[in-house]
């Protein structure tokens, strides 16, 4: 009872009023009928003066339902689409629902015309019995969003003319997968022009277990092009086909021959792109490899006597220098062979007099060989010979070579002039001689001239037979 001026007594013509409230309980009959009964006695009399009155209340059943649906799988950066459907499920005798609110825990007030997520709506604050309205919205998943990404929509209405809060809610969850891919590139770290550079690329789908497969893959190398192209001439082996399940890897092996003019160092980058099945996301990764290009080279300088006679010793000197770039490996497996003196690294070589060469040379290092050989009687004039060196950079098959030649001018052999003997007949003397007198001769001048010629020839032979030895760098006359 909320109010009353009735006290159990009423004068004739008088009225009194009682006000009261009854909260309809669940399970109350519809309509809800109730009867009031009054009893009085006239003062001083026992008569029961009674009356009744009945009232029936139509009990309507206001109700609202909200259903929220949306994408169930997404990744960071993906747009997630939602749909909210609100239905007035009140009984047909209910008043319309009014004063509606539709609020989402992630998307905010869905009835706000300025809501940036709402893409379409037929909902207002009023909803007639049996009527539905729909709201569509889209939101891009943020990197800070939780996984899974939950959100709840809640609606509130009043039946028109009633304060009752008619409400409902529905939640939705998006499983946020984490798509990702890695690419690792390895290869030779040192090479040179004309060498094949070997590369291995390993691609791995590192997405979360709940991610869809990665598809539509591309694998490109800045130096060798499309590595998934079956016609790519650089690819030597592959098991990659552009699709990768979560946790799966594939490998591509390829070679590139270093070209003259390639930059040093030689840098190249591999880049991969994939999409999760059903999504447009570009899942990408890159890796870069650097190879130092060394420049191997060797020089050999040969010097020696330039003039000699047969039977003379000719001295030679060989200087071998590793002139490779500073980043080159040392030179190994060396051979030093002379066309006249043979293998100069052979410990048994009879011509070698001293040597500090052993077939290996560090970058910038030199070694020296000295040798001597006696000019043979049948050696050609001039006497040529060439030394040739061969090395490999350590760990590489390249033939690094150089040569140098030398020539010795051979002096001619001495010449002996032979004068044929002359016979002269001396005439008999015609007069006698006396002591102290001169012995006369006839034709004696011719005889003395022959003797003079003989002596002159002997002198030439003596001069011509004197050997002169000339050596490069000596003082011999």
Protein backbone atom coordinates (compact mmCIF):
# COMPACT_ATOMS: atom_id res chain seq x y z
CA UNK A 1 0.00 0.00 0.00
CA UNK A 2 1.33 3.35 -1.00
CA UNK A 3 -1.37 5.72 0.21
CA UNK A 4 -4.78 5.63 2.04
CA UNK A 5 -7.34 7.94 3.72
CA UNK A 6 -9.59 5.08 4.67
CA UNK A 7 -9.89 4.26 8.36
CA UNK A 8 -12.78 1.75 8.46
CA UNK A 9 -15.58 4.33 9.04
CA UNK A 10 -17.55 6.18 6.43
CA UNK A 11 -20.28 8.73 6.91
CA UNK A 12 -23.13 8.65 4.52
CA UNK A 13 -21.95 10.00 1.16
CA UNK A 14 -18.31 9.96 2.20
CA UNK A 15 -15.58 8.17 0.18
CA UNK A 16 -12.03 7.17 0.96
CA UNK A 17 -9.19 5.94 -1.26
CA UNK A 18 -6.48 3.34 -0.90
CA UNK A 19 -3.58 3.27 -3.34
CA UNK A 20 -1.23 0.32 -3.58
CA UNK A 21 1.26 -1.31 -5.93
CA UNK A 22 1.73 -4.90 -6.88
CA UNK A 23 4.78 -6.08 -8.67
CA UNK A 24 3.87 -8.59 -11.27
CA UNK A 25 5.76 -11.74 -10.56
CA UNK A 26 7.05 -14.14 -13.07
CA UNK A 27 4.46 -16.73 -13.70
CA UNK A 28 1.58 -14.39 -13.00
CA UNK A 29 -1.44 -15.13 -15.20
CA UNK A 30 -2.11 -12.98 -18.20
CA UNK A 31 -4.34 -11.12 -17.96
CA UNK A 32 -3.74 -10.50 -14.28
CA UNK A 33 -7.19 -10.24 -12.60
CA UNK A 34 -7.74 -9.24 -8.98
CA UNK A 35 -10.83 -8.42 -6.87
CA UNK A 36 -11.24 -6.11 -3.94
CA UNK A 37 -13.99 -6.88 -1.30
CA UNK A 38 -15.22 -4.39 1.32
CA UNK A 39 -17.34 -5.13 4.42
CA UNK A 40 -18.99 -2.60 6.74
CA UNK A 41 -21.66 -2.61 9.53
CA UNK A 42 -24.13 0.20 10.03
CA UNK A 43 -23.28 1.69 13.34
CA UNK A 44 -25.32 -0.17 16.00
CA UNK A 45 -26.40 -2.88 13.59
CA UNK A 46 -24.85 -6.23 12.74
CA UNK A 47 -25.71 -6.11 9.10
CA UNK A 48 -22.82 -6.99 6.77
CA UNK A 49 -22.77 -4.30 4.16
CA UNK A 50 -20.41 -5.52 1.44
CA UNK A 51 -19.32 -4.78 -2.06
CA UNK A 52 -16.68 -6.07 -4.54
CA UNK A 53 -14.83 -4.73 -7.49
CA UNK A 54 -12.57 -6.53 -9.97
CA UNK A 55 -9.75 -5.29 -12.17
CA UNK A 56 -7.86 -7.09 -14.94
CA UNK A 57 -4.40 -6.09 -16.16
CA UNK A 58 -3.15 -7.17 -19.53
CA UNK A 59 0.42 -8.41 -18.97
CA UNK A 60 2.59 -7.76 -22.06
CA UNK A 61 6.03 -9.36 -22.34
CA UNK A 62 8.62 -6.88 -23.56
CA UNK A 63 11.83 -8.45 -24.89
CA UNK A 64 14.72 -7.55 -27.15
CA UNK A 65 17.39 -9.70 -28.76
CA UNK A 66 20.77 -8.68 -30.17
CA UNK A 67 22.89 -11.02 -32.29
CA UNK A 68 26.47 -10.13 -33.21
CA UNK A 69 28.46 -11.92 -35.93
CA UNK A 70 31.76 -11.21 -37.61
CA UNK A 71 35.04 -12.54 -38.96
CA UNK A 72 36.48 -15.23 -36.74
CA UNK A 73 40.07 -15.13 -37.99
CA UNK A 74 42.25 -12.15 -38.72
CA UNK A 75 45.75 -10.84 -38.46
CA UNK A 76 47.21 -7.55 -37.38
CA UNK A 77 46.37 -4.97 -40.02
CA UNK A 78 43.35 -6.88 -41.26
CA UNK A 79 39.88 -5.28 -41.39
CA UNK A 80 37.39 -7.25 -39.32
CA UNK A 81 33.75 -6.96 -40.41
CA UNK A 82 30.95 -7.12 -37.85
CA UNK A 83 27.14 -7.30 -38.11
CA UNK A 84 24.74 -6.48 -35.26
CA UNK A 85 21.05 -7.40 -35.60
CA UNK A 86 18.58 -6.06 -32.98
CA UNK A 87 15.04 -7.54 -32.82
CA UNK A 88 12.03 -6.46 -30.74
CA UNK A 89 10.72 -9.80 -29.50
CA UNK A 90 8.08 -8.35 -27.23
CA UNK A 91 4.61 -9.89 -27.14
CA UNK A 92 2.25 -8.51 -29.71
CA UNK A 93 0.33 -6.57 -27.06
CA UNK A 94 3.48 -4.75 -25.98
CA UNK A 95 4.12 -1.12 -26.65
CA UNK A 96 7.01 -0.24 -28.93
CA UNK A 97 10.49 -0.18 -27.53
CA UNK A 98 11.91 3.31 -27.22
CA UNK A 99 14.93 5.19 -25.88
CA UNK A 100 17.24 2.56 -27.36
CA UNK A 101 21.02 2.44 -26.99
CA UNK A 102 23.38 0.05 -28.83
CA UNK A 103 26.94 0.14 -27.46
CA UNK A 104 29.87 -2.12 -28.36
CA UNK A 105 32.83 -2.57 -26.03
CA UNK A 106 35.25 -2.28 -28.96
CA UNK A 107 33.37 -0.16 -31.46
CA UNK A 108 31.62 2.31 -29.14
CA UNK A 109 28.14 3.83 -29.56
CA UNK A 110 26.77 2.20 -32.69
CA UNK A 111 23.85 4.67 -32.89
CA UNK A 112 26.23 7.63 -33.03
CA UNK A 113 26.16 9.01 -36.59
CA UNK A 114 29.84 10.00 -36.21
CA UNK A 115 31.03 6.52 -35.26
CA UNK A 116 33.97 5.85 -37.67
CA UNK A 117 33.55 2.09 -37.59
CA UNK A 118 29.88 1.99 -38.65
CA UNK A 119 29.56 1.32 -42.36
CA UNK A 120 25.76 0.93 -42.49
CA UNK A 121 22.77 1.07 -40.12
CA UNK A 122 18.97 0.83 -40.12
CA UNK A 123 18.68 1.13 -36.35
CA UNK A 124 17.20 4.06 -34.42
CA UNK A 125 16.23 4.54 -30.79
CA UNK A 126 12.78 3.07 -31.47
CA UNK A 127 11.86 -0.47 -32.42
CA UNK A 128 8.30 -1.67 -33.06
CA UNK A 129 7.16 -5.07 -31.90
CA UNK A 130 8.53 -7.78 -34.16
CA UNK A 131 10.80 -5.35 -35.99
CA UNK A 132 14.56 -5.83 -36.56
CA UNK A 133 17.32 -3.46 -37.51
CA UNK A 134 20.90 -4.07 -38.62
CA UNK A 135 24.21 -2.32 -38.07
CA UNK A 136 27.42 -3.19 -40.00
CA UNK A 137 30.83 -2.06 -38.87
CA UNK A 138 34.50 -2.61 -39.74
CA UNK A 139 37.61 -2.20 -37.64
CA UNK A 140 41.28 -2.84 -38.48
CA UNK A 141 43.13 -5.07 -36.02
CA UNK A 142 45.83 -3.19 -34.13
CA UNK A 143 49.19 -4.55 -33.16
CA UNK A 144 48.27 -3.89 -29.51
CA UNK A 145 44.99 -5.83 -29.66
CA UNK A 146 44.75 -8.92 -27.45
CA UNK A 147 44.56 -12.39 -28.93
CA UNK A 148 41.82 -13.48 -29.12
CA UNK A 149 40.13 -10.14 -29.66
CA UNK A 150 36.80 -10.14 -27.71
CA UNK A 151 34.04 -7.56 -27.86
CA UNK A 152 30.48 -7.34 -26.59
CA UNK A 153 27.49 -5.38 -27.83
CA UNK A 154 24.72 -4.39 -25.36
CA UNK A 155 21.27 -2.94 -26.13
CA UNK A 156 18.86 -1.15 -23.79
CA UNK A 157 15.22 -0.11 -24.44
CA UNK A 158 12.12 0.92 -22.54
CA UNK A 159 8.61 -0.15 -23.46
CA UNK A 160 6.86 3.03 -24.49
CA UNK A 161 5.29 4.48 -21.38
CA UNK A 162 7.14 2.17 -19.03
CA UNK A 163 10.45 2.58 -17.25
CA UNK A 164 11.38 -1.06 -17.58
CA UNK A 165 14.94 -1.63 -18.85
CA UNK A 166 14.65 -4.17 -21.63
CA UNK A 167 18.19 -5.29 -22.43
CA UNK A 168 20.25 -7.95 -24.13
CA UNK A 169 23.91 -8.49 -25.11
CA UNK A 170 26.02 -10.68 -27.35
CA UNK A 171 29.73 -11.15 -27.60
CA UNK A 172 32.10 -12.04 -30.39
CA UNK A 173 35.71 -13.12 -30.53
CA UNK A 174 38.27 -12.87 -33.34
CA UNK A 175 41.13 -15.30 -33.30
CA UNK A 176 44.15 -13.21 -34.19
CA UNK A 177 46.65 -15.33 -36.08
CA UNK A 178 50.18 -14.05 -36.54
CA UNK A 179 51.31 -14.63 -40.10
CA UNK A 180 55.04 -14.30 -40.69
CA UNK A 181 57.80 -15.60 -42.91
CA UNK A 182 61.57 -15.59 -42.68
CA UNK A 183 64.21 -15.92 -45.36
CA UNK A 184 67.83 -16.74 -44.65
CA UNK A 185 70.47 -16.37 -47.33
CA UNK A 186 73.95 -17.82 -47.07
CA UNK A 187 76.76 -18.08 -49.58
CA UNK A 188 80.44 -17.79 -50.34
CA UNK A 189 82.06 -14.92 -48.50
CA UNK A 190 85.08 -14.62 -50.80
CA UNK A 191 85.29 -14.84 -54.56
CA UNK A 192 86.73 -13.36 -57.70
CA UNK A 193 85.85 -12.59 -61.30
CA UNK A 194 84.96 -15.79 -63.26
CA UNK A 195 84.34 -17.71 -60.01
CA UNK A 196 80.88 -19.26 -59.38
CA UNK A 197 79.35 -17.79 -56.24
CA UNK A 198 77.19 -20.39 -54.44
CA UNK A 199 74.04 -19.28 -52.59
CA UNK A 200 71.45 -21.09 -50.44
CA UNK A 201 68.11 -19.48 -49.54
CA UNK A 202 65.89 -21.05 -46.86
CA UNK A 203 62.31 -19.78 -46.52
CA UNK A 204 60.28 -20.68 -43.41
CA UNK A 205 56.61 -20.10 -42.59
CA UNK A 206 56.93 -18.85 -39.00
CA UNK A 207 53.22 -18.03 -38.62
CA UNK A 208 51.29 -19.00 -35.51
CA UNK A 209 49.74 -22.47 -35.51
CA UNK A 210 46.25 -21.08 -36.07
CA UNK A 211 47.32 -19.19 -39.20
CA UNK A 212 46.11 -20.18 -42.64
CA UNK A 213 48.73 -21.42 -45.09
CA UNK A 214 50.92 -18.93 -46.92
CA UNK A 215 50.28 -18.98 -50.67
CA UNK A 216 51.04 -17.10 -53.90
CA UNK A 217 54.69 -16.81 -52.95
CA UNK A 218 57.32 -14.92 -54.91
CA UNK A 219 61.07 -15.24 -54.31
CA UNK A 220 63.27 -12.69 -56.09
CA UNK A 221 67.01 -12.10 -55.95
CA UNK A 222 68.46 -8.72 -56.91
CA UNK A 223 71.26 -10.46 -58.82
CA UNK A 224 69.65 -13.59 -60.27
CA UNK A 225 65.98 -12.69 -60.70
CA UNK A 226 62.87 -14.82 -60.06
CA UNK A 227 64.05 -17.89 -58.15
CA UNK A 228 60.70 -19.66 -58.60
CA UNK A 229 60.90 -19.41 -62.39
CA UNK A 230 61.55 -22.95 -63.70
CA UNK A 231 63.60 -21.41 -66.54
CA UNK A 232 65.91 -19.48 -64.24
CA UNK A 233 69.42 -20.55 -65.37
CA UNK A 234 71.03 -19.76 -62.04
CA UNK A 235 68.92 -22.15 -59.94
CA UNK A 236 70.61 -25.53 -59.41
CA UNK A 237 68.17 -27.12 -56.94
CA UNK A 238 64.87 -26.19 -55.27
CA UNK A 239 61.88 -27.63 -53.42
CA UNK A 240 60.00 -24.32 -53.17
CA UNK A 241 56.69 -23.93 -55.02
CA UNK A 242 55.18 -20.73 -53.58
CA UNK A 243 53.03 -22.37 -50.86
CA UNK A 244 54.04 -23.00 -47.26
CA UNK A 245 52.13 -24.48 -44.34
CA UNK A 246 52.76 -23.10 -40.86
CA UNK A 247 56.17 -24.30 -39.70
CA UNK A 248 57.19 -25.56 -43.14
CA UNK A 249 60.48 -24.60 -44.85
CA UNK A 250 61.81 -24.85 -48.39
CA UNK A 251 65.26 -24.30 -49.89
CA UNK A 252 66.63 -22.89 -53.13
CA UNK A 253 70.25 -23.32 -54.24
CA UNK A 254 71.71 -21.25 -57.03
CA UNK A 255 75.00 -20.05 -58.54
CA UNK A 256 76.18 -16.81 -60.09
CA UNK A 257 79.45 -16.43 -61.97
CA UNK A 258 81.15 -13.21 -60.90
CA UNK A 259 81.46 -10.86 -63.86
CA UNK A 260 84.14 -8.33 -64.68
CA UNK A 261 82.73 -4.99 -63.59
CA UNK A 262 80.70 -6.41 -60.68
CA UNK A 263 81.00 -4.15 -57.63
CA UNK A 264 83.35 -5.10 -54.80
CA UNK A 265 81.96 -6.16 -52.42
CA UNK A 266 79.24 -7.96 -54.36
CA UNK A 267 75.97 -7.36 -52.47
CA UNK A 268 72.67 -8.99 -53.36
CA UNK A 269 69.31 -9.27 -51.62
CA UNK A 270 66.61 -11.93 -51.71
CA UNK A 271 63.00 -10.84 -51.08
CA UNK A 272 59.96 -13.05 -50.49
CA UNK A 273 56.23 -12.21 -50.52
CA UNK A 274 53.27 -14.42 -49.50
CA UNK A 275 49.56 -14.11 -48.63
CA UNK A 276 47.63 -16.07 -45.98
CA UNK A 277 44.88 -18.08 -47.66
CA UNK A 278 41.76 -15.92 -47.81
CA UNK A 279 43.58 -12.72 -46.87
CA UNK A 280 45.24 -9.97 -48.85
CA UNK A 281 48.01 -9.33 -46.34
CA UNK A 282 51.48 -9.05 -47.86
CA UNK A 283 53.70 -11.22 -45.67
CA UNK A 284 57.27 -10.40 -46.64
CA UNK A 285 60.89 -10.80 -45.58
CA UNK A 286 64.34 -10.03 -47.00
CA UNK A 287 67.93 -11.05 -46.42
CA UNK A 288 71.14 -9.65 -47.84
CA UNK A 289 74.45 -11.35 -48.56
CA UNK A 290 77.84 -9.76 -49.18
CA UNK A 291 80.82 -11.37 -50.91
CA UNK A 292 84.25 -9.79 -50.96
CA UNK A 293 85.82 -9.91 -54.43
CA UNK A 294 89.58 -10.40 -54.23
CA UNK A 295 92.02 -9.82 -57.10
CA UNK A 296 94.70 -12.52 -57.13
CA UNK A 297 97.88 -11.89 -59.12
CA UNK A 298 101.54 -12.86 -59.19
CA UNK A 299 104.62 -11.49 -60.92
CA UNK A 300 107.94 -13.09 -61.75
CA UNK A 301 111.01 -11.01 -62.67
CA UNK A 302 113.99 -12.79 -64.22
CA UNK A 303 117.43 -11.19 -64.59
CA UNK A 304 120.86 -12.53 -65.51
CA UNK A 305 124.08 -12.14 -67.49
CA UNK A 306 123.42 -10.81 -70.96
CA UNK A 307 126.78 -11.62 -72.65
CA UNK A 308 128.83 -14.82 -72.35
CA UNK A 309 131.09 -17.19 -74.26
CA UNK A 310 130.69 -20.87 -74.61
CA UNK A 311 131.98 -22.53 -71.50
CA UNK A 312 131.17 -19.51 -69.33
CA UNK A 313 128.88 -19.71 -66.30
CA UNK A 314 125.71 -17.63 -66.72
CA UNK A 315 124.08 -16.46 -63.46
CA UNK A 316 120.30 -15.96 -63.16
CA UNK A 317 118.01 -14.45 -60.49
CA UNK A 318 114.23 -15.02 -60.20
CA UNK A 319 112.02 -12.87 -57.93
CA UNK A 320 108.41 -14.07 -57.46
CA UNK A 321 105.94 -11.65 -55.78
CA UNK A 322 102.33 -12.15 -54.61
CA UNK A 323 100.71 -8.94 -55.90
CA UNK A 324 97.13 -9.95 -54.97
CA UNK A 325 94.70 -7.53 -53.31
CA UNK A 326 94.85 -7.29 -49.54
CA UNK A 327 91.66 -9.33 -49.07
CA UNK A 328 92.94 -12.24 -51.16
CA UNK A 329 93.85 -15.62 -49.67
CA UNK A 330 97.50 -16.56 -49.90
CA UNK A 331 98.83 -18.24 -53.03
CA UNK A 332 99.53 -21.96 -52.75
CA UNK A 333 100.44 -24.99 -54.88
CA UNK A 334 103.12 -22.96 -56.63
CA UNK A 335 105.27 -24.20 -59.51
CA UNK A 336 108.26 -22.32 -60.93
CA UNK A 337 109.59 -23.85 -64.14
CA UNK A 338 112.28 -22.48 -66.45
CA UNK A 339 112.49 -23.60 -70.06
CA UNK A 340 116.29 -23.97 -69.74
CA UNK A 341 116.84 -24.72 -66.06
CA UNK A 342 113.83 -26.93 -65.34
CA UNK A 343 111.81 -27.12 -62.09
CA UNK A 344 113.30 -24.44 -59.87
CA UNK A 345 111.45 -25.74 -56.80
CA UNK A 346 112.98 -29.20 -57.17
CA UNK A 347 115.51 -29.60 -54.33
CA UNK A 348 117.61 -31.74 -56.68
CA UNK A 349 117.82 -29.11 -59.43
CA UNK A 350 121.59 -28.85 -60.15
CA UNK A 351 121.38 -25.28 -61.43
CA UNK A 352 119.76 -23.73 -58.32
CA UNK A 353 122.35 -22.19 -56.00
CA UNK A 354 120.06 -20.52 -53.42
CA UNK A 355 116.29 -20.29 -52.89
CA UNK A 356 113.75 -19.18 -50.30
CA UNK A 357 110.74 -20.13 -52.46
CA UNK A 358 108.56 -23.03 -51.32
CA UNK A 359 105.38 -22.83 -53.44
CA UNK A 360 103.41 -20.67 -50.98
CA UNK A 361 103.27 -16.88 -50.88
CA UNK A 362 101.39 -14.59 -48.53
CA UNK A 363 99.85 -11.43 -49.98
CA UNK A 364 102.64 -8.92 -50.62
CA UNK A 365 105.41 -11.45 -49.98
CA UNK A 366 108.29 -12.21 -52.36
CA UNK A 367 110.80 -15.03 -52.70
CA UNK A 368 114.05 -15.29 -54.65
CA UNK A 369 115.84 -18.08 -56.52
CA UNK A 370 119.42 -17.85 -57.84
CA UNK A 371 120.77 -20.28 -60.40
CA UNK A 372 123.85 -20.75 -62.58
CA UNK A 373 124.46 -22.68 -65.78
CA UNK A 374 127.51 -23.18 -68.01
CA UNK A 375 126.98 -22.28 -71.64
CA UNK A 376 127.17 -25.45 -73.71
CA UNK A 377 129.02 -25.71 -77.02
CA UNK A 378 125.76 -26.45 -78.84
CA UNK A 379 123.60 -23.74 -77.20
CA UNK A 380 121.88 -21.44 -79.70
CA UNK A 381 122.95 -17.84 -80.08
CA UNK A 382 121.30 -15.88 -78.65
CA UNK A 383 120.49 -18.22 -75.76
CA UNK A 384 116.80 -17.62 -74.74
CA UNK A 385 114.89 -19.02 -71.80
CA UNK A 386 111.54 -18.32 -70.11
CA UNK A 387 110.42 -18.86 -66.52
CA UNK A 388 106.71 -19.52 -65.82
CA UNK A 389 105.01 -19.53 -62.41
CA UNK A 390 101.60 -21.00 -61.48
CA UNK A 391 99.73 -20.65 -58.18
CA UNK A 392 96.21 -21.16 -56.80
CA UNK A 393 94.52 -18.86 -54.27
CA UNK A 394 94.11 -20.95 -51.14
CA UNK A 395 90.76 -22.70 -51.40
CA UNK A 396 90.20 -21.80 -55.05
CA UNK A 397 91.09 -23.64 -58.28
CA UNK A 398 92.01 -20.52 -60.26
CA UNK A 399 95.36 -20.67 -62.09
CA UNK A 400 97.26 -17.48 -61.23
CA UNK A 401 100.24 -17.30 -63.56
CA UNK A 402 103.01 -15.08 -64.95
CA UNK A 403 106.20 -15.49 -66.98
CA UNK A 404 109.36 -13.62 -67.88
CA UNK A 405 112.00 -14.33 -70.48
CA UNK A 406 115.73 -13.65 -70.74
CA UNK A 407 118.36 -13.89 -73.48
CA UNK A 408 122.16 -14.24 -73.41
CA UNK A 409 124.26 -13.01 -76.35
CA UNK A 410 127.07 -15.51 -77.02
CA UNK A 411 130.44 -14.11 -78.15
CA UNK A 412 132.04 -15.70 -81.27
CA UNK A 413 134.89 -18.25 -80.90
CA UNK A 414 138.49 -16.92 -81.45
CA UNK A 415 140.00 -17.36 -85.02
CA UNK A 416 143.66 -18.57 -85.79
CA UNK A 417 145.17 -17.20 -89.01
CA UNK A 418 147.42 -19.85 -90.74
CA UNK A 419 149.98 -18.70 -93.38
CA UNK A 420 151.14 -21.37 -95.87
CA UNK A 421 154.94 -22.02 -95.79
CA UNK A 422 157.13 -20.37 -98.56
CA UNK A 423 160.15 -22.16 -100.18
CA UNK A 424 163.00 -19.90 -101.25
CA UNK A 425 166.17 -21.13 -103.06
CA UNK A 426 169.22 -19.18 -102.17
CA UNK A 427 171.81 -18.75 -104.96
CA UNK A 428 175.36 -19.85 -104.57
CA UNK A 429 177.73 -17.07 -103.62
CA UNK A 430 179.80 -15.81 -106.61
CA UNK A 431 182.58 -14.28 -104.64
CA UNK A 432 184.58 -15.32 -101.67
CA UNK A 433 184.22 -13.57 -98.46
CA UNK A 434 186.75 -12.35 -96.05
CA UNK A 435 186.66 -11.98 -92.35
CA UNK A 436 184.55 -9.01 -91.48
CA UNK A 437 183.02 -8.92 -94.91
CA UNK A 438 179.28 -9.12 -95.73
CA UNK A 439 177.76 -12.31 -97.03
CA UNK A 440 175.92 -11.49 -100.15
CA UNK A 441 172.45 -13.04 -100.82
CA UNK A 442 170.32 -13.15 -103.90
CA UNK A 443 166.58 -12.93 -103.20
CA UNK A 444 167.18 -12.70 -99.46
CA UNK A 445 164.54 -9.99 -99.20
CA UNK A 446 161.84 -12.48 -100.08
CA UNK A 447 162.97 -14.92 -97.40
CA UNK A 448 162.88 -12.34 -94.65
CA UNK A 449 159.46 -11.15 -95.77
CA UNK A 450 158.10 -14.71 -95.38
CA UNK A 451 159.51 -14.87 -91.89
CA UNK A 452 157.86 -11.59 -91.02
CA UNK A 453 154.48 -12.83 -92.20
CA UNK A 454 154.85 -15.95 -90.07
CA UNK A 455 155.59 -13.90 -86.99
CA UNK A 456 152.63 -11.61 -87.70
CA UNK A 457 150.25 -14.57 -87.99
CA UNK A 458 151.51 -15.95 -84.71
CA UNK A 459 150.81 -12.65 -83.03
CA UNK A 460 147.23 -12.62 -84.33
CA UNK A 461 146.70 -16.13 -83.11
CA UNK A 462 147.95 -15.12 -79.69
CA UNK A 463 145.64 -12.14 -79.56
CA UNK A 464 142.64 -14.08 -80.87
CA UNK A 465 143.15 -16.85 -78.38
CA UNK A 466 142.78 -14.64 -75.38
CA UNK A 467 139.35 -15.19 -73.80
CA UNK A 468 137.42 -12.36 -72.35
CA UNK A 469 134.65 -13.20 -69.87
CA UNK A 470 131.96 -10.63 -69.46
CA UNK A 471 129.36 -10.96 -66.71
CA UNK A 472 126.35 -8.79 -65.85
CA UNK A 473 127.29 -6.87 -62.73
CA UNK A 474 131.02 -7.97 -62.71
CA UNK A 475 134.22 -6.09 -63.45
CA UNK A 476 135.75 -8.69 -65.82
CA UNK A 477 137.45 -7.09 -68.91
